PDB file of N, CA and C in Angstrom:
ATOM      1  N   UNK A   1     -96.177  -8.484 -69.856  1.00  0.00           N
ATOM      2  CA  UNK A   1     -97.086  -9.513 -69.309  1.00  0.00           C
ATOM      3  C   UNK A   1     -98.613  -9.126 -68.869  1.00  0.00           C
ATOM      4  N   UNK A   2     -98.666  -8.403 -68.416  1.00  0.00           N
ATOM      5  CA  UNK A   2     -99.687  -7.558 -67.684  1.00  0.00           C
ATOM      6  C   UNK A   2    -100.312  -6.834 -69.043  1.00  0.00           C
ATOM      7  N   UNK A   3     -99.874  -6.495 -70.113  1.00  0.00           N
ATOM      8  CA  UNK A   3    -100.492  -5.705 -71.232  1.00  0.00           C
ATOM      9  C   UNK A   3    -101.107  -6.829 -72.073  1.00  0.00           C
ATOM     10  N   UNK A   4    -100.428  -8.139 -72.128  1.00  0.00           N
ATOM     11  CA  UNK A   4    -100.606  -9.107 -72.991  1.00  0.00           C
ATOM     12  C   UNK A   4    -102.015  -9.638 -72.256  1.00  0.00           C
ATOM     13  N   UNK A   5    -102.358  -9.852 -71.144  1.00  0.00           N
ATOM     14  CA  UNK A   5    -103.411 -10.335 -70.171  1.00  0.00           C
ATOM     15  C   UNK A   5    -104.496  -9.486 -70.939  1.00  0.00           C
ATOM     16  N   UNK A   6    -104.221  -7.974 -70.807  1.00  0.00           N
ATOM     17  CA  UNK A   6    -105.455  -6.985 -71.023  1.00  0.00           C
ATOM     18  C   UNK A   6    -106.114  -7.174 -72.374  1.00  0.00           C
ATOM     19  N   UNK A   7    -104.875  -7.543 -73.366  1.00  0.00           N
ATOM     20  CA  UNK A   7    -105.207  -7.487 -74.659  1.00  0.00           C
ATOM     21  C   UNK A   7    -105.671  -8.947 -74.711  1.00  0.00           C
ATOM     22  N   UNK A   8    -105.931  -9.951 -74.332  1.00  0.00           N
ATOM     23  CA  UNK A   8    -106.483 -11.298 -74.317  1.00  0.00           C
ATOM     24  C   UNK A   8    -107.721 -11.323 -73.644  1.00  0.00           C
ATOM     25  N   UNK A   9    -107.759 -10.415 -72.683  1.00  0.00           N
ATOM     26  CA  UNK A   9    -109.120 -10.166 -71.946  1.00  0.00           C
ATOM     27  C   UNK A   9    -110.025  -9.640 -72.877  1.00  0.00           C
ATOM     28  N   UNK A  10    -109.744  -8.378 -73.477  1.00  0.00           N
ATOM     29  CA  UNK A  10    -110.460  -7.249 -74.503  1.00  0.00           C
ATOM     30  C   UNK A  10    -110.808  -8.311 -75.663  1.00  0.00           C
ATOM     31  N   UNK A  11    -109.833  -9.175 -76.336  1.00  0.00           N
ATOM     32  CA  UNK A  11    -110.359  -9.988 -76.982  1.00  0.00           C
ATOM     33  C   UNK A  11    -111.833 -10.833 -76.768  1.00  0.00           C
ATOM     34  N   UNK A  12    -111.012 -11.503 -75.810  1.00  0.00           N
ATOM     35  CA  UNK A  12    -112.189 -12.409 -75.433  1.00  0.00           C
ATOM     36  C   UNK A  12    -113.457 -11.548 -74.860  1.00  0.00           C
ATOM     37  N   UNK A  13    -113.435 -10.550 -74.506  1.00  0.00           N
ATOM     38  CA  UNK A  13    -114.957 -10.187 -74.110  1.00  0.00           C
ATOM     39  C   UNK A  13    -115.384  -9.531 -75.482  1.00  0.00           C
ATOM     40  N   UNK A  14    -114.695  -8.995 -76.520  1.00  0.00           N
ATOM     41  CA  UNK A  14    -115.510  -8.714 -77.501  1.00  0.00           C
ATOM     42  C   UNK A  14    -115.971  -9.578 -78.767  1.00  0.00           C
ATOM     43  N   UNK A  15    -115.254 -11.121 -78.294  1.00  0.00           N
ATOM     44  CA  UNK A  15    -115.843 -12.343 -78.925  1.00  0.00           C
ATOM     45  C   UNK A  15    -117.428 -12.518 -78.380  1.00  0.00           C
ATOM     46  N   UNK A  16    -117.197 -12.812 -76.838  1.00  0.00           N
ATOM     47  CA  UNK A  16    -118.338 -12.810 -75.986  1.00  0.00           C
ATOM     48  C   UNK A  16    -119.576 -11.750 -76.492  1.00  0.00           C
ATOM     49  N   UNK A  17    -119.336 -10.583 -76.605  1.00  0.00           N
ATOM     50  CA  UNK A  17    -120.263  -9.302 -76.902  1.00  0.00           C
ATOM     51  C   UNK A  17    -120.617  -9.894 -78.405  1.00  0.00           C
ATOM     52  N   UNK A  18    -119.872 -10.030 -79.338  1.00  0.00           N
ATOM     53  CA  UNK A  18    -120.240 -10.553 -80.800  1.00  0.00           C
ATOM     54  C   UNK A  18    -121.022 -11.716 -80.736  1.00  0.00           C
ATOM     55  N   UNK A  19    -120.576 -12.596 -80.105  1.00  0.00           N
ATOM     56  CA  UNK A  19    -121.608 -13.594 -80.073  1.00  0.00           C
ATOM     57  C   UNK A  19    -122.863 -13.608 -79.758  1.00  0.00           C
ATOM     58  N   UNK A  20    -123.028 -12.907 -78.598  1.00  0.00           N
ATOM     59  CA  UNK A  20    -124.027 -12.419 -77.649  1.00  0.00           C
ATOM     60  C   UNK A  20    -125.345 -11.598 -78.723  1.00  0.00           C
ATOM     61  N   UNK A  21    -124.366 -10.616 -79.370  1.00  0.00           N
ATOM     62  CA  UNK A  21    -125.066  -9.832 -80.433  1.00  0.00           C
ATOM     63  C   UNK A  21    -125.827 -10.877 -81.497  1.00  0.00           C
ATOM     64  N   UNK A  22    -125.011 -11.557 -81.920  1.00  0.00           N
ATOM     65  CA  UNK A  22    -125.276 -12.322 -83.100  1.00  0.00           C
ATOM     66  C   UNK A  22    -126.266 -13.215 -83.315  1.00  0.00           C
ATOM     67  N   UNK A  23    -126.308 -14.007 -81.650  1.00  0.00           N
ATOM     68  CA  UNK A  23    -127.494 -15.084 -81.341  1.00  0.00           C
ATOM     69  C   UNK A  23    -128.534 -14.445 -81.288  1.00  0.00           C
ATOM     70  N   UNK A  24    -128.388 -13.031 -80.289  1.00  0.00           N
ATOM     71  CA  UNK A  24    -130.151 -12.208 -80.361  1.00  0.00           C
ATOM     72  C   UNK A  24    -130.389 -11.664 -81.897  1.00  0.00           C
ATOM     73  N   UNK A  25    -129.257 -11.394 -82.976  1.00  0.00           N
ATOM     74  CA  UNK A  25    -130.038 -11.000 -83.974  1.00  0.00           C
ATOM     75  C   UNK A  25    -130.710 -11.971 -84.740  1.00  0.00           C
ATOM     76  N   UNK A  26    -129.945 -13.356 -84.836  1.00  0.00           N
ATOM     77  CA  UNK A  26    -130.202 -14.577 -85.557  1.00  0.00           C
ATOM     78  C   UNK A  26    -131.257 -15.160 -84.834  1.00  0.00           C
ATOM     79  N   UNK A  27    -131.575 -14.819 -83.759  1.00  0.00           N
ATOM     80  CA  UNK A  27    -132.992 -15.451 -82.969  1.00  0.00           C
ATOM     81  C   UNK A  27    -134.484 -14.607 -82.993  1.00  0.00           C
ATOM     82  N   UNK A  28    -134.019 -13.374 -82.779  1.00  0.00           N
ATOM     83  CA  UNK A  28    -135.322 -12.705 -82.154  1.00  0.00           C
ATOM     84  C   UNK A  28    -135.489 -11.516 -83.849  1.00  0.00           C
ATOM     85  N   UNK A  29    -134.297 -10.954 -84.063  1.00  0.00           N
ATOM     86  CA  UNK A  29    -134.472  -9.752 -84.952  1.00  0.00           C
ATOM     87  C   UNK A  29    -134.670 -10.392 -86.245  1.00  0.00           C
ATOM     88  N   UNK A  30    -133.761 -10.759 -86.991  1.00  0.00           N
ATOM     89  CA  UNK A  30    -133.972 -11.465 -88.307  1.00  0.00           C
ATOM     90  C   UNK A  30    -134.127 -13.293 -88.169  1.00  0.00           C
ATOM     91  N   UNK A  31    -134.804 -13.877 -87.486  1.00  0.00           N
ATOM     92  CA  UNK A  31    -134.693 -15.148 -87.485  1.00  0.00           C
ATOM     93  C   UNK A  31    -135.306 -16.075 -88.943  1.00  0.00           C
ATOM     94  N   UNK A  32    -134.832 -17.284 -89.294  1.00  0.00           N
ATOM     95  CA  UNK A  32    -134.998 -18.198 -90.506  1.00  0.00           C
ATOM     96  C   UNK A  32    -136.311 -18.257 -90.313  1.00  0.00           C
ATOM     97  N   UNK A  33    -136.676 -18.135 -91.739  1.00  0.00           N
ATOM     98  CA  UNK A  33    -138.158 -18.535 -92.125  1.00  0.00           C
ATOM     99  C   UNK A  33    -138.121 -19.421 -93.339  1.00  0.00           C
ATOM    100  N   UNK A  34    -138.657 -20.661 -92.972  1.00  0.00           N
ATOM    101  CA  UNK A  34    -138.748 -21.833 -93.648  1.00  0.00           C
ATOM    102  C   UNK A  34    -140.051 -21.554 -94.556  1.00  0.00           C
ATOM    103  N   UNK A  35    -139.920 -21.549 -96.076  1.00  0.00           N
ATOM    104  CA  UNK A  35    -141.380 -21.117 -96.881  1.00  0.00           C
ATOM    105  C   UNK A  35    -141.129 -22.370 -98.293  1.00  0.00           C
ATOM    106  N   UNK A  36    -142.156 -23.165 -98.414  1.00  0.00           N
ATOM    107  CA  UNK A  36    -142.077 -24.036 -99.253  1.00  0.00           C
ATOM    108  C   UNK A  36    -141.154 -25.331 -99.203  1.00  0.00           C
ATOM    109  N   UNK A  37    -141.134 -25.933 -98.048  1.00  0.00           N
ATOM    110  CA  UNK A  37    -140.206 -26.985 -98.066  1.00  0.00           C
ATOM    111  C   UNK A  37    -141.371 -28.144 -98.067  1.00  0.00           C
ATOM    112  N   UNK A  38    -140.430 -29.354 -98.785  1.00  0.00           N
ATOM    113  CA  UNK A  38    -141.102 -30.253 -98.756  1.00  0.00           C
ATOM    114  C   UNK A  38    -141.434 -31.381 -97.984  1.00  0.00           C
ATOM    115  N   UNK A  39    -142.176 -32.066 -97.973  1.00  0.00           N
ATOM    116  CA  UNK A  39    -142.399 -32.725 -96.841  1.00  0.00           C
ATOM    117  C   UNK A  39    -140.884 -33.864 -96.380  1.00  0.00           C
ATOM    118  N   UNK A  40    -140.418 -34.192 -97.498  1.00  0.00           N
ATOM    119  CA  UNK A  40    -139.487 -35.065 -97.587  1.00  0.00           C
ATOM    120  C   UNK A  40    -138.266 -34.279 -96.584  1.00  0.00           C
ATOM    121  N   UNK A  41    -138.030 -33.113 -96.621  1.00  0.00           N
ATOM    122  CA  UNK A  41    -136.966 -32.707 -95.900  1.00  0.00           C
ATOM    123  C   UNK A  41    -137.437 -32.168 -94.366  1.00  0.00           C
ATOM    124  N   UNK A  42    -138.718 -32.830 -94.357  1.00  0.00           N
ATOM    125  CA  UNK A  42    -139.102 -32.125 -92.689  1.00  0.00           C
ATOM    126  C   UNK A  42    -138.414 -33.385 -91.590  1.00  0.00           C
ATOM    127  N   UNK A  43    -138.383 -32.708 -90.427  1.00  0.00           N
ATOM    128  CA  UNK A  43    -137.912 -33.839 -88.951  1.00  0.00           C
ATOM    129  C   UNK A  43    -139.008 -34.823 -89.519  1.00  0.00           C
ATOM    130  N   UNK A  44    -138.645 -36.064 -89.150  1.00  0.00           N
ATOM    131  CA  UNK A  44    -139.538 -36.880 -89.134  1.00  0.00           C
ATOM    132  C   UNK A  44    -140.489 -37.047 -88.384  1.00  0.00           C
ATOM    133  N   UNK A  45    -140.716 -36.260 -86.932  1.00  0.00           N
ATOM    134  CA  UNK A  45    -142.070 -36.152 -86.400  1.00  0.00           C
ATOM    135  C   UNK A  45    -143.033 -35.226 -87.097  1.00  0.00           C
ATOM    136  N   UNK A  46    -142.551 -34.337 -87.998  1.00  0.00           N
ATOM    137  CA  UNK A  46    -143.447 -33.690 -88.603  1.00  0.00           C
ATOM    138  C   UNK A  46    -144.094 -34.110 -89.927  1.00  0.00           C
ATOM    139  N   UNK A  47    -143.138 -35.282 -90.576  1.00  0.00           N
ATOM    140  CA  UNK A  47    -143.316 -36.143 -91.474  1.00  0.00           C
ATOM    141  C   UNK A  47    -144.520 -36.964 -90.832  1.00  0.00           C
ATOM    142  N   UNK A  48    -144.533 -37.141 -89.904  1.00  0.00           N
ATOM    143  CA  UNK A  48    -145.583 -38.344 -89.340  1.00  0.00           C
ATOM    144  C   UNK A  48    -146.926 -37.006 -89.222  1.00  0.00           C
ATOM    145  N   UNK A  49    -146.680 -36.209 -88.722  1.00  0.00           N
ATOM    146  CA  UNK A  49    -147.921 -34.992 -88.673  1.00  0.00           C
ATOM    147  C   UNK A  49    -148.290 -34.985 -90.010  1.00  0.00           C
ATOM    148  N   UNK A  50    -147.570 -34.505 -91.040  1.00  0.00           N
ATOM    149  CA  UNK A  50    -147.864 -34.776 -92.738  1.00  0.00           C
ATOM    150  C   UNK A  50    -148.986 -35.933 -92.944  1.00  0.00           C
ATOM    151  N   UNK A  51    -148.452 -36.726 -92.776  1.00  0.00           N
ATOM    152  CA  UNK A  51    -149.388 -37.763 -92.936  1.00  0.00           C
ATOM    153  C   UNK A  51    -150.789 -37.927 -92.450  1.00  0.00           C
ATOM    154  N   UNK A  52    -150.545 -37.841 -91.162  1.00  0.00           N
ATOM    155  CA  UNK A  52    -151.905 -37.731 -90.647  1.00  0.00           C
ATOM    156  C   UNK A  52    -153.093 -36.861 -90.822  1.00  0.00           C
ATOM    157  N   UNK A  53    -152.584 -35.511 -90.968  1.00  0.00           N
ATOM    158  CA  UNK A  53    -153.252 -34.356 -91.567  1.00  0.00           C
ATOM    159  C   UNK A  53    -153.543 -34.772 -93.506  1.00  0.00           C
ATOM    160  N   UNK A  54    -152.743 -35.480 -93.962  1.00  0.00           N
ATOM    161  CA  UNK A  54    -153.194 -36.055 -95.685  1.00  0.00           C
ATOM    162  C   UNK A  54    -154.200 -37.120 -95.321  1.00  0.00           C
ATOM    163  N   UNK A  55    -154.316 -37.890 -94.109  1.00  0.00           N
ATOM    164  CA  UNK A  55    -155.178 -38.953 -93.716  1.00  0.00           C
ATOM    165  C   UNK A  55    -156.543 -38.422 -93.372  1.00  0.00           C
ATOM    166  N   UNK A  56    -156.825 -37.295 -92.684  1.00  0.00           N
ATOM    167  CA  UNK A  56    -157.892 -36.820 -91.965  1.00  0.00           C
ATOM    168  C   UNK A  56    -158.529 -35.857 -92.907  1.00  0.00           C
ATOM    169  N   UNK A  57    -157.580 -35.090 -94.195  1.00  0.00           N
ATOM    170  CA  UNK A  57    -157.777 -34.492 -95.052  1.00  0.00           C
ATOM    171  C   UNK A  57    -158.917 -35.421 -96.027  1.00  0.00           C
ATOM    172  N   UNK A  58    -158.386 -36.501 -96.352  1.00  0.00           N
ATOM    173  CA  UNK A  58    -158.933 -37.515 -97.342  1.00  0.00           C
ATOM    174  C   UNK A  58    -160.339 -37.906 -96.683  1.00  0.00           C
ATOM    175  N   UNK A  59    -160.582 -37.940 -95.313  1.00  0.00           N
ATOM    176  CA  UNK A  59    -161.563 -38.459 -94.570  1.00  0.00           C
ATOM    177  C   UNK A  59    -162.591 -37.452 -95.408  1.00  0.00           C
ATOM    178  N   UNK A  60    -162.371 -36.257 -94.971  1.00  0.00           N
ATOM    179  CA  UNK A  60    -163.445 -35.332 -95.322  1.00  0.00           C
ATOM    180  C   UNK A  60    -163.750 -35.023 -96.443  1.00  0.00           C
ATOM    181  N   UNK A  61    -162.728 -35.267 -97.786  1.00  0.00           N
ATOM    182  CA  UNK A  61    -162.922 -34.902 -99.025  1.00  0.00           C
ATOM    183  C   UNK A  61    -162.122 -36.233 -99.766  1.00  0.00           C
ATOM    184  N   UNK A  62    -163.106 -37.503 -99.843  1.00  0.00           N
ATOM    185  CA  UNK A  62    -162.629 -38.518-100.289  1.00  0.00           C
ATOM    186  C   UNK A  62    -161.821 -38.580-101.771  1.00  0.00           C
ATOM    187  N   UNK A  63    -160.875 -37.971-101.977  1.00  0.00           N
ATOM    188  CA  UNK A  63    -159.819 -37.413-103.599  1.00  0.00           C
ATOM    189  C   UNK A  63    -159.357 -38.244-103.212  1.00  0.00           C
ATOM    190  N   UNK A  64    -158.842 -39.598-104.113  1.00  0.00           N
ATOM    191  CA  UNK A  64    -157.939 -40.233-103.605  1.00  0.00           C
ATOM    192  C   UNK A  64    -156.509 -40.112-104.597  1.00  0.00           C
ATOM    193  N   UNK A  65    -156.927 -39.809-105.503  1.00  0.00           N
ATOM    194  CA  UNK A  65    -155.368 -39.033-106.522  1.00  0.00           C
ATOM    195  C   UNK A  65    -154.541 -37.569-106.139  1.00  0.00           C
ATOM    196  N   UNK A  66    -155.595 -37.386-104.754  1.00  0.00           N
ATOM    197  CA  UNK A  66    -154.760 -36.157-104.075  1.00  0.00           C
ATOM    198  C   UNK A  66    -153.865 -36.747-103.207  1.00  0.00           C
ATOM    199  N   UNK A  67    -154.724 -37.499-102.749  1.00  0.00           N
ATOM    200  CA  UNK A  67    -154.113 -38.092-101.231  1.00  0.00           C
ATOM    201  C   UNK A  67    -153.025 -38.590-101.643  1.00  0.00           C
ATOM    202  N   UNK A  68    -152.808 -39.549-102.778  1.00  0.00           N
ATOM    203  CA  UNK A  68    -151.937 -40.374-103.256  1.00  0.00           C
ATOM    204  C   UNK A  68    -150.419 -39.221-103.872  1.00  0.00           C
ATOM    205  N   UNK A  69    -150.987 -38.500-104.528  1.00  0.00           N
ATOM    206  CA  UNK A  69    -150.004 -37.289-104.587  1.00  0.00           C
ATOM    207  C   UNK A  69    -149.172 -36.446-103.852  1.00  0.00           C
ATOM    208  N   UNK A  70    -150.065 -36.170-102.547  1.00  0.00           N
ATOM    209  CA  UNK A  70    -149.468 -35.600-101.402  1.00  0.00           C
ATOM    210  C   UNK A  70    -148.649 -36.860-100.884  1.00  0.00           C
ATOM    211  N   UNK A  71    -148.860 -37.877-100.282  1.00  0.00           N
ATOM    212  CA  UNK A  71    -148.147 -38.761 -99.766  1.00  0.00           C
ATOM    213  C   UNK A  71    -147.055 -39.858-100.843  1.00  0.00           C
ATOM    214  N   UNK A  72    -147.300 -39.384-101.800  1.00  0.00           N
ATOM    215  CA  UNK A  72    -146.105 -39.714-102.834  1.00  0.00           C
ATOM    216  C   UNK A  72    -144.520 -38.785-102.574  1.00  0.00           C
ATOM    217  N   UNK A  73    -145.126 -37.274-102.177  1.00  0.00           N
ATOM    218  CA  UNK A  73    -143.862 -36.762-101.873  1.00  0.00           C
ATOM    219  C   UNK A  73    -142.972 -37.257-100.760  1.00  0.00           C
ATOM    220  N   UNK A  74    -143.604 -38.281 -99.887  1.00  0.00           N
ATOM    221  CA  UNK A  74    -142.616 -38.963 -98.671  1.00  0.00           C
ATOM    222  C   UNK A  74    -142.112 -40.641 -99.276  1.00  0.00           C
ATOM    223  N   UNK A  75    -143.028 -40.646-100.211  1.00  0.00           N
ATOM    224  CA  UNK A  75    -142.088 -42.150-100.769  1.00  0.00           C
ATOM    225  C   UNK A  75    -143.738 -43.288-101.224  1.00  0.00           C
ATOM    226  N   UNK A  76    -143.339 -44.127-101.485  1.00  0.00           N
ATOM    227  CA  UNK A  76    -144.771 -45.205-101.529  1.00  0.00           C
ATOM    228  C   UNK A  76    -145.856 -44.742-100.763  1.00  0.00           C
ATOM    229  N   UNK A  77    -146.700 -44.242-101.427  1.00  0.00           N
ATOM    230  CA  UNK A  77    -147.934 -44.137-100.445  1.00  0.00           C
ATOM    231  C   UNK A  77    -148.485 -45.119 -99.535  1.00  0.00           C
ATOM    232  N   UNK A  78    -148.340 -46.536 -99.810  1.00  0.00           N
ATOM    233  CA  UNK A  78    -148.928 -47.421 -98.756  1.00  0.00           C
ATOM    234  C   UNK A  78    -147.917 -47.598 -97.867  1.00  0.00           C
ATOM    235  N   UNK A  79    -146.484 -47.521 -98.088  1.00  0.00           N
ATOM    236  CA  UNK A  79    -145.518 -47.818 -97.174  1.00  0.00           C
ATOM    237  C   UNK A  79    -145.170 -47.063 -96.208  1.00  0.00           C
ATOM    238  N   UNK A  80    -145.910 -45.473 -96.507  1.00  0.00           N
ATOM    239  CA  UNK A  80    -145.528 -44.280 -95.627  1.00  0.00           C
ATOM    240  C   UNK A  80    -146.990 -44.552 -94.405  1.00  0.00           C
ATOM    241  N   UNK A  81    -147.789 -45.196 -95.313  1.00  0.00           N
ATOM    242  CA  UNK A  81    -148.857 -45.152 -93.780  1.00  0.00           C
ATOM    243  C   UNK A  81    -148.796 -46.253 -93.312  1.00  0.00           C
ATOM    244  N   UNK A  82    -148.265 -47.355 -93.610  1.00  0.00           N
ATOM    245  CA  UNK A  82    -148.163 -48.358 -92.891  1.00  0.00           C
ATOM    246  C   UNK A  82    -147.266 -48.309 -91.479  1.00  0.00           C
ATOM    247  N   UNK A  83    -146.136 -47.434 -91.801  1.00  0.00           N
ATOM    248  CA  UNK A  83    -145.097 -46.909 -90.921  1.00  0.00           C
ATOM    249  C   UNK A  83    -145.345 -45.861 -89.968  1.00  0.00           C
ATOM    250  N   UNK A  84    -146.353 -45.576 -90.236  1.00  0.00           N
ATOM    251  CA  UNK A  84    -146.977 -44.219 -89.489  1.00  0.00           C
ATOM    252  C   UNK A  84    -147.122 -44.556 -88.102  1.00  0.00           C
ATOM    253  N   UNK A  85    -147.735 -45.555 -87.388  1.00  0.00           N
ATOM    254  CA  UNK A  85    -147.851 -46.093 -86.230  1.00  0.00           C
ATOM    255  C   UNK A  85    -146.455 -46.039 -85.663  1.00  0.00           C
ATOM    256  N   UNK A  86    -145.723 -46.523 -86.292  1.00  0.00           N
ATOM    257  CA  UNK A  86    -144.329 -46.503 -85.480  1.00  0.00           C
ATOM    258  C   UNK A  86    -143.408 -45.073 -85.543  1.00  0.00           C
ATOM    259  N   UNK A  87    -143.717 -44.210 -86.417  1.00  0.00           N
ATOM    260  CA  UNK A  87    -143.189 -42.935 -86.943  1.00  0.00           C
ATOM    261  C   UNK A  87    -143.591 -41.870 -85.805  1.00  0.00           C
ATOM    262  N   UNK A  88    -144.852 -41.914 -85.607  1.00  0.00           N
ATOM    263  CA  UNK A  88    -145.840 -41.092 -84.903  1.00  0.00           C
ATOM    264  C   UNK A  88    -145.322 -40.550 -83.688  1.00  0.00           C
ATOM    265  N   UNK A  89    -144.822 -39.029 -83.544  1.00  0.00           N
ATOM    266  CA  UNK A  89    -144.366 -39.106 -81.779  1.00  0.00           C
ATOM    267  C   UNK A  89    -145.079 -39.245 -80.778  1.00  0.00           C
ATOM    268  N   UNK A  90    -146.390 -38.870 -81.309  1.00  0.00           N
ATOM    269  CA  UNK A  90    -147.578 -38.678 -80.176  1.00  0.00           C
ATOM    270  C   UNK A  90    -148.497 -39.905 -80.701  1.00  0.00           C
ATOM    271  N   UNK A  91    -149.110 -40.161 -79.839  1.00  0.00           N
ATOM    272  CA  UNK A  91    -150.217 -41.546 -80.040  1.00  0.00           C
ATOM    273  C   UNK A  91    -151.539 -40.636 -80.545  1.00  0.00           C
ATOM    274  N   UNK A  92    -151.857 -41.636 -81.722  1.00  0.00           N
ATOM    275  CA  UNK A  92    -152.803 -41.477 -82.872  1.00  0.00           C
ATOM    276  C   UNK A  92    -154.120 -41.306 -82.040  1.00  0.00           C
ATOM    277  N   UNK A  93    -155.343 -40.305 -82.567  1.00  0.00           N
ATOM    278  CA  UNK A  93    -156.193 -40.336 -82.151  1.00  0.00           C
ATOM    279  C   UNK A  93    -157.125 -41.462 -82.846  1.00  0.00           C
ATOM    280  N   UNK A  94    -158.454 -41.821 -82.019  1.00  0.00           N
ATOM    281  CA  UNK A  94    -159.101 -42.672 -82.804  1.00  0.00           C
ATOM    282  C   UNK A  94    -159.784 -42.500 -84.532  1.00  0.00           C
ATOM    283  N   UNK A  95    -159.739 -41.124 -84.324  1.00  0.00           N
ATOM    284  CA  UNK A  95    -160.197 -40.718 -85.860  1.00  0.00           C
ATOM    285  C   UNK A  95    -159.170 -40.669 -86.771  1.00  0.00           C
ATOM    286  N   UNK A  96    -157.987 -40.491 -85.966  1.00  0.00           N
ATOM    287  CA  UNK A  96    -156.836 -40.528 -86.929  1.00  0.00           C
ATOM    288  C   UNK A  96    -156.515 -41.766 -87.494  1.00  0.00           C
ATOM    289  N   UNK A  97    -156.634 -43.063 -86.626  1.00  0.00           N
ATOM    290  CA  UNK A  97    -156.305 -44.079 -86.845  1.00  0.00           C
ATOM    291  C   UNK A  97    -157.352 -44.652 -88.061  1.00  0.00           C
ATOM    292  N   UNK A  98    -158.786 -44.270 -87.672  1.00  0.00           N
ATOM    293  CA  UNK A  98    -159.905 -44.716 -88.805  1.00  0.00           C
ATOM    294  C   UNK A  98    -159.333 -43.963 -90.187  1.00  0.00           C
ATOM    295  N   UNK A  99    -159.398 -42.993 -89.999  1.00  0.00           N
ATOM    296  CA  UNK A  99    -158.946 -42.273 -91.125  1.00  0.00           C
ATOM    297  C   UNK A  99    -157.581 -42.792 -92.324  1.00  0.00           C
ATOM    298  N   UNK A 100    -156.641 -42.953 -91.266  1.00  0.00           N
ATOM    299  CA  UNK A 100    -155.526 -43.969 -92.125  1.00  0.00           C
ATOM    300  C   UNK A 100    -155.968 -45.485 -92.370  1.00  0.00           C
ATOM    301  N   UNK A 101    -156.630 -45.726 -91.816  1.00  0.00           N
ATOM    302  CA  UNK A 101    -157.137 -47.033 -92.103  1.00  0.00           C
ATOM    303  C   UNK A 101    -157.765 -47.226 -93.299  1.00  0.00           C
ATOM    304  N   UNK A 102    -158.759 -46.204 -93.454  1.00  0.00           N
ATOM    305  CA  UNK A 102    -160.078 -45.927 -94.745  1.00  0.00           C
ATOM    306  C   UNK A 102    -158.669 -45.719 -96.102  1.00  0.00           C
ATOM    307  N   UNK A 103    -157.936 -44.541 -95.667  1.00  0.00           N
ATOM    308  CA  UNK A 103    -156.995 -44.446 -96.940  1.00  0.00           C
ATOM    309  C   UNK A 103    -155.993 -45.534 -97.351  1.00  0.00           C
ATOM    310  N   UNK A 104    -155.449 -46.066 -96.134  1.00  0.00           N
ATOM    311  CA  UNK A 104    -154.439 -47.375 -96.577  1.00  0.00           C
ATOM    312  C   UNK A 104    -155.436 -48.716 -97.371  1.00  0.00           C
ATOM    313  N   UNK A 105    -156.681 -48.499 -96.903  1.00  0.00           N
ATOM    314  CA  UNK A 105    -157.688 -49.535 -97.607  1.00  0.00           C
ATOM    315  C   UNK A 105    -157.891 -48.945 -98.968  1.00  0.00           C
ATOM    316  N   UNK A 106    -158.066 -47.792 -99.319  1.00  0.00           N
ATOM    317  CA  UNK A 106    -158.667 -47.397-100.552  1.00  0.00           C
ATOM    318  C   UNK A 106    -157.057 -47.623-101.408  1.00  0.00           C
ATOM    319  N   UNK A 107    -156.286 -47.243-101.007  1.00  0.00           N
ATOM    320  CA  UNK A 107    -155.113 -47.222-101.734  1.00  0.00           C
ATOM    321  C   UNK A 107    -154.755 -48.921-102.153  1.00  0.00           C
ATOM    322  N   UNK A 108    -155.057 -49.508-101.318  1.00  0.00           N
ATOM    323  CA  UNK A 108    -154.918 -50.980-101.838  1.00  0.00           C
ATOM    324  C   UNK A 108    -155.340 -51.773-102.622  1.00  0.00           C
ATOM    325  N   UNK A 109    -156.816 -50.699-102.340  1.00  0.00           N
ATOM    326  CA  UNK A 109    -157.988 -51.724-103.527  1.00  0.00           C
ATOM    327  C   UNK A 109    -157.706 -51.138-105.057  1.00  0.00           C
ATOM    328  N   UNK A 110    -156.992 -49.485-104.701  1.00  0.00           N
ATOM    329  CA  UNK A 110    -156.992 -48.986-105.928  1.00  0.00           C
ATOM    330  C   UNK A 110    -155.904 -49.974-106.895  1.00  0.00           C
ATOM    331  N   UNK A 111    -154.389 -49.784-105.664  1.00  0.00           N
ATOM    332  CA  UNK A 111    -153.514 -50.375-106.916  1.00  0.00           C
ATOM    333  C   UNK A 111    -153.896 -51.937-106.884  1.00  0.00           C
ATOM    334  N   UNK A 112    -154.714 -52.626-106.296  1.00  0.00           N
ATOM    335  CA  UNK A 112    -155.183 -53.719-106.640  1.00  0.00           C
ATOM    336  C   UNK A 112    -155.774 -54.155-108.237  1.00  0.00           C
ATOM    337  N   UNK A 113    -156.999 -52.816-108.275  1.00  0.00           N
ATOM    338  CA  UNK A 113    -157.900 -52.729-109.338  1.00  0.00           C
ATOM    339  C   UNK A 113    -156.610 -52.305-110.546  1.00  0.00           C
ATOM    340  N   UNK A 114    -156.015 -51.836-110.301  1.00  0.00           N
ATOM    341  CA  UNK A 114    -154.876 -51.030-111.262  1.00  0.00           C
ATOM    342  C   UNK A 114    -154.058 -52.274-111.966  1.00  0.00           C
ATOM    343  N   UNK A 115    -153.326 -52.953-110.901  1.00  0.00           N
ATOM    344  CA  UNK A 115    -152.391 -54.351-111.391  1.00  0.00           C
ATOM    345  C   UNK A 115    -153.184 -55.482-112.101  1.00  0.00           C
ATOM    346  N   UNK A 116    -154.462 -55.542-111.875  1.00  0.00           N
ATOM    347  CA  UNK A 116    -155.265 -56.679-112.363  1.00  0.00           C
ATOM    348  C   UNK A 116    -156.006 -55.980-113.464  1.00  0.00           C
ATOM    349  N   UNK A 117    -155.528 -54.892-113.880  1.00  0.00           N
ATOM    350  CA  UNK A 117    -155.991 -54.384-115.645  1.00  0.00           C
ATOM    351  C   UNK A 117    -157.228 -53.474-115.461  1.00  0.00           C
ATOM    352  N   UNK A 118    -158.209 -53.309-114.125  1.00  0.00           N
ATOM    353  CA  UNK A 118    -159.072 -52.584-113.756  1.00  0.00           C
ATOM    354  C   UNK A 118    -160.187 -52.781-114.801  1.00  0.00           C
ATOM    355  N   UNK A 119    -161.262 -51.792-114.252  1.00  0.00           N
ATOM    356  CA  UNK A 119    -162.391 -52.440-115.279  1.00  0.00           C
ATOM    357  C   UNK A 119    -162.197 -52.453-117.011  1.00  0.00           C
ATOM    358  N   UNK A 120    -162.947 -53.015-117.480  1.00  0.00           N
ATOM    359  CA  UNK A 120    -162.804 -53.077-119.018  1.00  0.00           C
ATOM    360  C   UNK A 120    -163.255 -52.044-119.764  1.00  0.00           C
TER     361      UNK A 120
END
């Protein structure tokens, strides 16, 4: 009986040491590195941050095609922008709100002109 308890104790100790070593190796020595992750696979908080950065990038360089392509990685660009205030984990700055409003206005204007046939 005493021998059985000693064996079980040694197995338990071995499991604890192995789990601790595995945690330390996975956390500090060989951590997981995510490279080239598409925005749709990000956590919703980071997706909201991505949309905010796209809007701020559009405010600096008004390339509507590029902004639309970046937002299309998350779905319909207009819907994505409309849902941002609800999905954002942190309050948006006035600069970000203005950039989002400008980009949303440009996307709506662009899609309205495309649906009406555009210029002749």
